[in-house]
Structures are given as C-alpha cells and as structure tokens.
Amino acid sequence: MKGSAPTALIIVCMLAVAVAIAGYSPSAAAQAAKVKPGSGDDLRAVYATAAEVAEGKRIAETSCARCHGANGVSTTKGVPHLAAQRAAYLHLQLRAYRQSARVQSAMDGIVRYLSDDALIKVAAYYASLDPPRPVVPGAAKAPPARPDPVAAGKAAAAACAGCHGEGGISKTPGMPSLVALDPKYFAAAMNAYKTGQRKHDVMKSMVAAVSDADLNNMALYYALQKPARAQTPAPGDQAAGKKAAASCAACHGDQGVSGNPATPSLAGQDAQYLAAATRAYKDGSRKDELMKGPAAALDDRVIRDIAAFYAAQQPEPVSVRKPLTVAEWAERCDRCHGVNGNSTDPLVPALAAQRVDWLEPVLRAYRTGARKSSAMAAMSALMTEADVKDIAAHYARQTARAVTYVVVPPKK
C-alpha cells in the first residue's frame, strides 16, 4: 500500500491537468481517457512527442492543408475537418487509404508517398489542434422537430374509423380491417384507389385529398396497432376453407400471415370483404394477374369457406418499428462516439462540429456498403434519408471538445 500511494497521486494529478487542459465543465473528467503505453502501433499517434507533432505539422502543411484547410479546419464542401480529431483514428484511416482498404483518388495520391512514421506524426499534429466551431450552412439553429409520424397517422386516419373501426379493426361487415397490414401494401392499395386502378367511388374521393406523407403516416399508424380479428360474422365452413386455402399459403403465408410486404395478410380479416374481393378478382373488376387465375377456379361456396377460415385466424403484428427521433438516434450514436459526438476512445472518431456535407455522404456510404464497418452498417441500415440528414445536422451543430489522454504507468 505504501508503494502504491505515490503512483495514485501522480495519476490524480495527471487527471487534474487533463481536465484543466480540456477546459470545460466538470464532465470533462469523463473525457480524460486512459491509454496504456506499449499498446501497439494502433495507439502510437496518441502519445507522440512534441517534436513528432512539430514534424507532423510540417508534413501536413505541405501535403494536407490544400484540401483540409489551415489548422485542419476545412472550407471545402465534402472534405472533413481534421482539427482535434482522435489521433489513433486518423492514423488508422490514413493507413487504410495507403493500403487501398479505403479508396479516394485525392487521398490515394498523397498517402502513397508517406511512410507510416509520417502518417503517425500527421495524425498526432491534427489531434493536437483546437477543434472547429460548429457550423451548419444556412441553419445556425436546430430545425423544428419532425412531427411524430404515428400521431400524425392517427390524426389523418380519424375519418376512417367510422367505417374501418377504431385502430383499424372493423366492426362493419363488408368493411376491411386495416390493422396488421404492411405499410408498403397499405400505401400501394390506397394509391390504387386514388388512381382508379381499384374501382371504388367513395374510397377514391376519400383518398384524393390525402397527401403521400399522410398516407405513409396512416400506414405506419395502422401497422403499429395491436392486431385483432374483425368483429364481424364469418358465415362458411372453416374446415373446408382451410383445405381449399392450401394453395393460398405460398403467397399469403401459413394461417394467412404474409411474409411479403407486397402481399396482404388475410388472418383476422372481415370475411364478407374477403369474399367480395375474391369475386372481384374472379370477374376482373379488380386487376391482379397473380390473383386472376386462382380466383377463377373458385365457386361462391368455396370463396365463402376460405373467407371464413381466414377470418377466424389470429393476425400477427407487422415487422415494422416506430421511427426514432433525432434525440433517440443521437443517444444510440453517442454510445460509441461520445456525448454529443465527442469521442473518448482514441480509435473512434469524434463527430461534433464536423461538416454536415461530409457526414451525410459517409452515412450513405455505410448504408450502401461502399464504406465497410459491420457496426455502422447495422446502425445506418435502419436510417431513412430524413434520419441521415437530421443526425448529420445534429452533430454538425455540437460543440467539439479536445481530449487529453492520460498515459497510465504499467503495473509492476
């Protein structure tokens, strides 16, 4: 214990210095990340010497400043700021360009002629600089929050409840339930009424004034409601209907629960509506080449039996999620990239105050697989284009913080 006290005091003092250098709020202590010397080449840039940083500055001014700006603050669209970026992360990315693991013509031509030692020094230099100020072109303030799409869908669907039931569960024979339908199918069906592809004068007039955004919100609202069977009678022989419906399972799924967004689930649907829709496919008044053949072979009794069978089945929730708000996305991203995008991991990039016109294409590149990262691919795959724009703008508005890494002496 006597031998450990001086070491502990040194660490406490070094942490205090780190906090003082970081220069912001008590939470700065959380930004003082511990790095152990001898962790391998990945962390060499983190504990570069003052002489190496000075040499990195000379190299950067010659090779990098034209694109990335004086002191690492870019003024070029689509080119990222490098000032105060995490040193080990910068070093790894520079190595990736040199090894062609990342491809970008402007970068490839520059790093090809730099040694790994030079890359370390350049990374250390940029990490030592003051961070850029947050700037979002044309948007100094945060934009108003997007409306909750589910709440907007519920409001837009208020006029539908009289026929289709609260929450889309029909209580009126002949009126379809709207719950448990995939949003893509719902939107396509509503647009078919709007264009006249589906013939129904009342529905055509109802949806004519509904915007595409409202249709999509309604689709999401109905998809997220708790599914239940239509509260309507289902005349017919369910056992006979089950047997007759065997050929329908290939498209509509076992027990009428579809696994294809373009194909509707039939489980729990109003029986009278199902029968009427099948007759419409049979006589051609509703157009669908895939349904025309199977429906043509059914007589009216079999149609009623199949409808009764499906009406008795339990509908299942649709595999969709409620879109995340910007705050919810940021909370997820902050887990790796640090609070407000100020990473405390030397291998993970900071996002705060980064150029929005760089963040957006990078997120899109992860979504398409053009840029490789299993973690980022999984995260960005769930993002819509609106999410990409919103989260990029969010981080571009954050205040960037420099980080001091404390070298902890190895245990003896």
Foldseek 3Di string as FASTA:
>chain_A
DVVCVVLVVVQVVLLVVQLVVLPDDPCLSVLAAADAPPPDPLCPLQPDDPVLLVLLLVLCVVQPCVAQNVLQNGPDFQGKRLALKQLSQQLVVLVCLCVVVDDDPSSVVRSVPPDSSSSSSNSSNRNPTDDDAQDAVPDLDADDWDDFLLVLLQVLCPVVCVAQNVLQAGQDAQGKRLALAQLVQQLVVLVCLCVVLQPDVVSNVSSVPPDSSNSSSNSVNRLPGDFFARNYDQDAAQVLLVVLCPVVCVAQNVLQNGPDNNGTRLARIRLNNQLVVLVCLCVVSRDDVVSPVSSVPDDSRNSSNNSSNRNNGTRDRDPDDRDDTLVVLQVVVCVQQNDLQAHSDSNHTGQALMHLSNQLVVLVCLCVVVNDDPVSVVSSVPDDSVSSSNNSSSRSNGGYTRGRYDHRHDDD
